[in-house]
């Protein structure tokens, strides 16, 4: 599972989104295709003067210990 974490530089606020599409719907100045290319294919965070955007993988299950 992947979540989008957005750090607002001016206010130091942290926002989380379930997808790039939901982030871009609320922030019309950003393009989801461009953000996808940077964060998924290049494996880099996106950063500009306003925000830093990261894709983070979330572990949904802990592995069981073998006996």
PDB file of N, CA and C in Angstrom:
ATOM      1  N   UNK A   1       0.849  -1.168   0.000  1.00  0.00           N
ATOM      2  CA  UNK A   1       0.000   0.000   0.000  1.00  0.00           C
ATOM      3  C   UNK A   1       0.900   1.237   0.000  1.00  0.00           C
ATOM      4  N   UNK A   2       0.532   2.228  -0.790  1.00  0.00           N
ATOM      5  CA  UNK A   2       1.311   3.457  -0.897  1.00  0.00           C
ATOM      6  C   UNK A   2       0.455   4.648  -0.497  1.00  0.00           C
ATOM      7  N   UNK A   3       1.046   5.568   0.239  1.00  0.00           N
ATOM      8  CA  UNK A   3       0.374   6.815   0.589  1.00  0.00           C
ATOM      9  C   UNK A   3       1.225   7.977   0.097  1.00  0.00           C
ATOM     10  N   UNK A   4       0.579   9.098  -0.097  1.00  0.00           N
ATOM     11  CA  UNK A   4       1.240  10.319  -0.524  1.00  0.00           C
ATOM     12  C   UNK A   4       1.341  11.231   0.692  1.00  0.00           C
ATOM     13  N   UNK A   5       2.545  11.682   0.987  1.00  0.00           N
ATOM     14  CA  UNK A   5       2.767  12.603   2.098  1.00  0.00           C
ATOM     15  C   UNK A   5       3.224  13.931   1.512  1.00  0.00           C
ATOM     16  N   UNK A   6       2.529  14.998   1.919  1.00  0.00           N
ATOM     17  CA  UNK A   6       2.844  16.335   1.433  1.00  0.00           C
ATOM     18  C   UNK A   6       3.260  17.201   2.612  1.00  0.00           C
ATOM     19  N   UNK A   7       4.437  17.775   2.505  1.00  0.00           N
ATOM     20  CA  UNK A   7       4.949  18.682   3.526  1.00  0.00           C
ATOM     21  C   UNK A   7       4.842  20.102   2.975  1.00  0.00           C
ATOM     22  N   UNK A   8       4.034  20.929   3.613  1.00  0.00           N
ATOM     23  CA  UNK A   8       3.890  22.336   3.210  1.00  0.00           C
ATOM     24  C   UNK A   8       5.030  23.126   3.822  1.00  0.00           C
ATOM     25  N   UNK A   9       5.838  23.742   2.995  1.00  0.00           N
ATOM     26  CA  UNK A   9       7.044  24.422   3.486  1.00  0.00           C
ATOM     27  C   UNK A   9       6.742  25.690   4.267  1.00  0.00           C
ATOM     28  N   UNK A  10       5.775  26.449   3.838  1.00  0.00           N
ATOM     29  CA  UNK A  10       5.501  27.732   4.484  1.00  0.00           C
ATOM     30  C   UNK A  10       4.831  27.571   5.847  1.00  0.00           C
ATOM     31  N   UNK A  11       3.992  26.554   5.988  1.00  0.00           N
ATOM     32  CA  UNK A  11       3.250  26.381   7.230  1.00  0.00           C
ATOM     33  C   UNK A  11       3.731  25.199   8.072  1.00  0.00           C
ATOM     34  N   UNK A  12       4.599  24.370   7.517  1.00  0.00           N
ATOM     35  CA  UNK A  12       5.104  23.160   8.167  1.00  0.00           C
ATOM     36  C   UNK A  12       3.991  22.139   8.422  1.00  0.00           C
ATOM     37  N   UNK A  13       2.885  22.249   7.682  1.00  0.00           N
ATOM     38  CA  UNK A  13       1.797  21.280   7.791  1.00  0.00           C
ATOM     39  C   UNK A  13       2.168  19.997   7.046  1.00  0.00           C
ATOM     40  N   UNK A  14       1.650  18.888   7.536  1.00  0.00           N
ATOM     41  CA  UNK A  14       1.826  17.592   6.889  1.00  0.00           C
ATOM     42  C   UNK A  14       0.450  17.083   6.505  1.00  0.00           C
ATOM     43  N   UNK A  15       0.306  16.684   5.241  1.00  0.00           N
ATOM     44  CA  UNK A  15      -0.961  16.149   4.743  1.00  0.00           C
ATOM     45  C   UNK A  15      -0.705  14.770   4.170  1.00  0.00           C
ATOM     46  N   UNK A  16      -1.702  13.896   4.265  1.00  0.00           N
ATOM     47  CA  UNK A  16      -1.596  12.575   3.658  1.00  0.00           C
ATOM     48  C   UNK A  16      -2.758  12.373   2.698  1.00  0.00           C
ATOM     49  N   UNK A  17      -2.485  11.658   1.632  1.00  0.00           N
ATOM     50  CA  UNK A  17      -3.482  11.360   0.605  1.00  0.00           C
ATOM     51  C   UNK A  17      -3.353   9.894   0.218  1.00  0.00           C
ATOM     52  N   UNK A  18      -4.441   9.328  -0.220  1.00  0.00           N
ATOM     53  CA  UNK A  18      -4.425   7.931  -0.636  1.00  0.00           C
ATOM     54  C   UNK A  18      -3.876   7.751  -2.046  1.00  0.00           C
ATOM     55  N   UNK A  19      -3.860   8.838  -2.839  1.00  0.00           N
ATOM     56  CA  UNK A  19      -3.347   8.741  -4.205  1.00  0.00           C
ATOM     57  C   UNK A  19      -2.936  10.115  -4.719  1.00  0.00           C
ATOM     58  N   UNK A  20      -2.182  10.105  -5.798  1.00  0.00           N
ATOM     59  CA  UNK A  20      -1.808  11.362  -6.442  1.00  0.00           C
ATOM     60  C   UNK A  20      -3.024  12.049  -7.049  1.00  0.00           C
ATOM     61  N   UNK A  21      -3.961  11.266  -7.527  1.00  0.00           N
ATOM     62  CA  UNK A  21      -5.169  11.840  -8.126  1.00  0.00           C
ATOM     63  C   UNK A  21      -5.945  12.644  -7.095  1.00  0.00           C
ATOM     64  N   UNK A  22      -6.116  12.116  -5.906  1.00  0.00           N
ATOM     65  CA  UNK A  22      -6.850  12.852  -4.874  1.00  0.00           C
ATOM     66  C   UNK A  22      -6.095  14.120  -4.456  1.00  0.00           C
ATOM     67  N   UNK A  23      -4.758  14.055  -4.423  1.00  0.00           N
ATOM     68  CA  UNK A  23      -3.984  15.258  -4.135  1.00  0.00           C
ATOM     69  C   UNK A  23      -4.185  16.302  -5.229  1.00  0.00           C
ATOM     70  N   UNK A  24      -4.117  15.886  -6.478  1.00  0.00           N
ATOM     71  CA  UNK A  24      -4.239  16.818  -7.607  1.00  0.00           C
ATOM     72  C   UNK A  24      -5.650  17.379  -7.744  1.00  0.00           C
ATOM     73  N   UNK A  25      -6.656  16.644  -7.330  1.00  0.00           N
ATOM     74  CA  UNK A  25      -8.028  17.167  -7.353  1.00  0.00           C
ATOM     75  C   UNK A  25      -8.173  18.347  -6.390  1.00  0.00           C
ATOM     76  N   UNK A  26      -7.486  18.308  -5.288  1.00  0.00           N
ATOM     77  CA  UNK A  26      -7.558  19.386  -4.304  1.00  0.00           C
ATOM     78  C   UNK A  26      -6.542  20.493  -4.573  1.00  0.00           C
ATOM     79  N   UNK A  27      -5.539  20.192  -5.378  1.00  0.00           N
ATOM     80  CA  UNK A  27      -4.477  21.153  -5.690  1.00  0.00           C
ATOM     81  C   UNK A  27      -4.329  21.214  -7.207  1.00  0.00           C
ATOM     82  N   UNK A  28      -5.151  22.012  -7.835  1.00  0.00           N
ATOM     83  CA  UNK A  28      -5.267  22.050  -9.299  1.00  0.00           C
ATOM     84  C   UNK A  28      -3.983  22.459 -10.011  1.00  0.00           C
ATOM     85  N   UNK A  29      -3.062  23.113  -9.310  1.00  0.00           N
ATOM     86  CA  UNK A  29      -1.838  23.575  -9.959  1.00  0.00           C
ATOM     87  C   UNK A  29      -0.839  22.450 -10.238  1.00  0.00           C
ATOM     88  N   UNK A  30      -1.116  21.238  -9.715  1.00  0.00           N
ATOM     89  CA  UNK A  30      -0.222  20.104  -9.914  1.00  0.00           C
ATOM     90  C   UNK A  30      -0.862  19.085 -10.852  1.00  0.00           C
ATOM     91  N   UNK A  31      -0.015  18.428 -11.645  1.00  0.00           N
ATOM     92  CA  UNK A  31      -0.456  17.447 -12.627  1.00  0.00           C
ATOM     93  C   UNK A  31      -0.091  16.049 -12.141  1.00  0.00           C
ATOM     94  N   UNK A  32      -1.055  15.170 -12.060  1.00  0.00           N
ATOM     95  CA  UNK A  32      -0.801  13.828 -11.518  1.00  0.00           C
ATOM     96  C   UNK A  32       0.147  13.017 -12.399  1.00  0.00           C
ATOM     97  N   UNK A  33       0.090  13.184 -13.719  1.00  0.00           N
ATOM     98  CA  UNK A  33       0.995  12.441 -14.601  1.00  0.00           C
ATOM     99  C   UNK A  33       2.454  12.841 -14.368  1.00  0.00           C
ATOM    100  N   UNK A  34       2.688  14.127 -14.248  1.00  0.00           N
ATOM    101  CA  UNK A  34       4.041  14.621 -14.000  1.00  0.00           C
ATOM    102  C   UNK A  34       4.545  14.139 -12.634  1.00  0.00           C
ATOM    103  N   UNK A  35       3.701  14.228 -11.617  1.00  0.00           N
ATOM    104  CA  UNK A  35       4.096  13.774 -10.286  1.00  0.00           C
ATOM    105  C   UNK A  35       4.356  12.272 -10.256  1.00  0.00           C
ATOM    106  N   UNK A  36       3.537  11.514 -10.978  1.00  0.00           N
ATOM    107  CA  UNK A  36       3.732  10.068 -11.051  1.00  0.00           C
ATOM    108  C   UNK A  36       5.085   9.736 -11.673  1.00  0.00           C
ATOM    109  N   UNK A  37       5.426  10.412 -12.762  1.00  0.00           N
ATOM    110  CA  UNK A  37       6.705  10.153 -13.429  1.00  0.00           C
ATOM    111  C   UNK A  37       7.881  10.423 -12.505  1.00  0.00           C
ATOM    112  N   UNK A  38       7.807  11.468 -11.737  1.00  0.00           N
ATOM    113  CA  UNK A  38       8.913  11.810 -10.837  1.00  0.00           C
ATOM    114  C   UNK A  38       8.976  10.860  -9.653  1.00  0.00           C
ATOM    115  N   UNK A  39       7.847  10.629  -9.007  1.00  0.00           N
ATOM    116  CA  UNK A  39       7.862   9.865  -7.754  1.00  0.00           C
ATOM    117  C   UNK A  39       7.881   8.355  -7.943  1.00  0.00           C
ATOM    118  N   UNK A  40       7.340   7.853  -9.028  1.00  0.00           N
ATOM    119  CA  UNK A  40       7.300   6.401  -9.224  1.00  0.00           C
ATOM    120  C   UNK A  40       8.432   5.894 -10.107  1.00  0.00           C
ATOM    121  N   UNK A  41       8.581   6.498 -11.235  1.00  0.00           N
ATOM    122  CA  UNK A  41       9.588   5.999 -12.174  1.00  0.00           C
ATOM    123  C   UNK A  41      10.996   6.394 -11.773  1.00  0.00           C
ATOM    124  N   UNK A  42      11.173   7.647 -11.371  1.00  0.00           N
ATOM    125  CA  UNK A  42      12.511   8.111 -10.987  1.00  0.00           C
ATOM    126  C   UNK A  42      12.825   7.829  -9.518  1.00  0.00           C
ATOM    127  N   UNK A  43      11.806   7.427  -8.754  1.00  0.00           N
ATOM    128  CA  UNK A  43      11.969   7.096  -7.326  1.00  0.00           C
ATOM    129  C   UNK A  43      12.522   8.268  -6.522  1.00  0.00           C
ATOM    130  N   UNK A  44      12.097   9.483  -6.880  1.00  0.00           N
ATOM    131  CA  UNK A  44      12.530  10.681  -6.174  1.00  0.00           C
ATOM    132  C   UNK A  44      11.317  11.406  -5.610  1.00  0.00           C
ATOM    133  N   UNK A  45      11.500  12.127  -4.512  1.00  0.00           N
ATOM    134  CA  UNK A  45      10.416  12.997  -4.049  1.00  0.00           C
ATOM    135  C   UNK A  45      10.298  14.205  -4.983  1.00  0.00           C
ATOM    136  N   UNK A  46       9.108  14.757  -5.065  1.00  0.00           N
ATOM    137  CA  UNK A  46       8.900  15.981  -5.830  1.00  0.00           C
ATOM    138  C   UNK A  46       9.021  17.150  -4.869  1.00  0.00           C
ATOM    139  N   UNK A  47       9.707  18.195  -5.314  1.00  0.00           N
ATOM    140  CA  UNK A  47       9.871  19.355  -4.450  1.00  0.00           C
ATOM    141  C   UNK A  47       9.844  20.631  -5.285  1.00  0.00           C
ATOM    142  N   UNK A  48       9.104  21.628  -4.789  1.00  0.00           N
ATOM    143  CA  UNK A  48       9.124  22.970  -5.368  1.00  0.00           C
ATOM    144  C   UNK A  48       9.153  23.979  -4.223  1.00  0.00           C
ATOM    145  N   UNK A  49       8.864  25.237  -4.517  1.00  0.00           N
ATOM    146  CA  UNK A  49       8.930  26.273  -3.475  1.00  0.00           C
ATOM    147  C   UNK A  49       7.846  26.124  -2.410  1.00  0.00           C
ATOM    148  N   UNK A  50       6.746  25.460  -2.750  1.00  0.00           N
ATOM    149  CA  UNK A  50       5.590  25.345  -1.852  1.00  0.00           C
ATOM    150  C   UNK A  50       5.557  24.045  -1.045  1.00  0.00           C
ATOM    151  N   UNK A  51       5.890  22.923  -1.710  1.00  0.00           N
ATOM    152  CA  UNK A  51       5.696  21.609  -1.087  1.00  0.00           C
ATOM    153  C   UNK A  51       6.873  20.686  -1.330  1.00  0.00           C
ATOM    154  N   UNK A  52       6.893  19.625  -0.536  1.00  0.00           N
ATOM    155  CA  UNK A  52       7.707  18.442  -0.810  1.00  0.00           C
ATOM    156  C   UNK A  52       6.743  17.267  -0.756  1.00  0.00           C
ATOM    157  N   UNK A  53       6.703  16.475  -1.818  1.00  0.00           N
ATOM    158  CA  UNK A  53       5.752  15.376  -1.934  1.00  0.00           C
ATOM    159  C   UNK A  53       6.523  14.067  -2.023  1.00  0.00           C
ATOM    160  N   UNK A  54       6.124  13.100  -1.180  1.00  0.00           N
ATOM    161  CA  UNK A  54       6.787  11.799  -1.132  1.00  0.00           C
ATOM    162  C   UNK A  54       5.766  10.686  -1.277  1.00  0.00           C
ATOM    163  N   UNK A  55       6.169   9.614  -1.918  1.00  0.00           N
ATOM    164  CA  UNK A  55       5.369   8.385  -1.941  1.00  0.00           C
ATOM    165  C   UNK A  55       5.993   7.440  -0.928  1.00  0.00           C
ATOM    166  N   UNK A  56       5.205   6.956   0.002  1.00  0.00           N
ATOM    167  CA  UNK A  56       5.716   6.060   1.048  1.00  0.00           C
ATOM    168  C   UNK A  56       4.934   4.759   1.044  1.00  0.00           C
ATOM    169  N   UNK A  57       5.680   3.675   1.130  1.00  0.00           N
ATOM    170  CA  UNK A  57       5.049   2.365   1.211  1.00  0.00           C
ATOM    171  C   UNK A  57       4.722   2.058   2.664  1.00  0.00           C
ATOM    172  N   UNK A  58       3.521   1.591   2.887  1.00  0.00           N
ATOM    173  CA  UNK A  58       3.053   1.283   4.236  1.00  0.00           C
ATOM    174  C   UNK A  58       2.928  -0.230   4.358  1.00  0.00           C
ATOM    175  N   UNK A  59       3.473  -0.762   5.418  1.00  0.00           N
ATOM    176  CA  UNK A  59       3.352  -2.192   5.684  1.00  0.00           C
ATOM    177  C   UNK A  59       2.009  -2.433   6.338  1.00  0.00           C
ATOM    178  N   UNK A  60       1.181  -3.247   5.725  1.00  0.00           N
ATOM    179  CA  UNK A  60      -0.156  -3.488   6.253  1.00  0.00           C
ATOM    180  C   UNK A  60      -0.227  -4.736   7.132  1.00  0.00           C
ATOM    181  N   UNK A  61       0.770  -5.616   7.014  1.00  0.00           N
ATOM    182  CA  UNK A  61       0.788  -6.818   7.840  1.00  0.00           C
ATOM    183  C   UNK A  61       2.196  -7.051   8.357  1.00  0.00           C
ATOM    184  N   UNK A  62       2.259  -7.470   9.565  1.00  0.00           N
ATOM    185  CA  UNK A  62       3.565  -7.844  10.117  1.00  0.00           C
ATOM    186  C   UNK A  62       3.817  -9.318   9.779  1.00  0.00           C
ATOM    187  N   UNK A  63       5.028  -9.643   9.380  1.00  0.00           N
ATOM    188  CA  UNK A  63       5.316 -11.038   9.102  1.00  0.00           C
ATOM    189  C   UNK A  63       5.267 -11.875  10.377  1.00  0.00           C
ATOM    190  N   UNK A  64       4.793 -13.084  10.258  1.00  0.00           N
ATOM    191  CA  UNK A  64       4.741 -13.986  11.405  1.00  0.00           C
ATOM    192  C   UNK A  64       6.107 -14.557  11.691  1.00  0.00           C
ATOM    193  N   UNK A  65       6.385 -14.709  12.967  1.00  0.00           N
ATOM    194  CA  UNK A  65       7.633 -15.340  13.348  1.00  0.00           C
ATOM    195  C   UNK A  65       7.487 -16.847  13.237  1.00  0.00           C
ATOM    196  N   UNK A  66       8.492 -17.481  12.681  1.00  0.00           N
ATOM    197  CA  UNK A  66       8.432 -18.937  12.593  1.00  0.00           C
ATOM    198  C   UNK A  66       8.853 -19.547  13.936  1.00  0.00           C
ATOM    199  N   UNK A  67       8.267 -20.688  14.254  1.00  0.00           N
ATOM    200  CA  UNK A  67       8.537 -21.349  15.545  1.00  0.00           C
ATOM    201  C   UNK A  67       9.751 -22.211  15.469  1.00  0.00           C
TER     202      UNK A  67
END
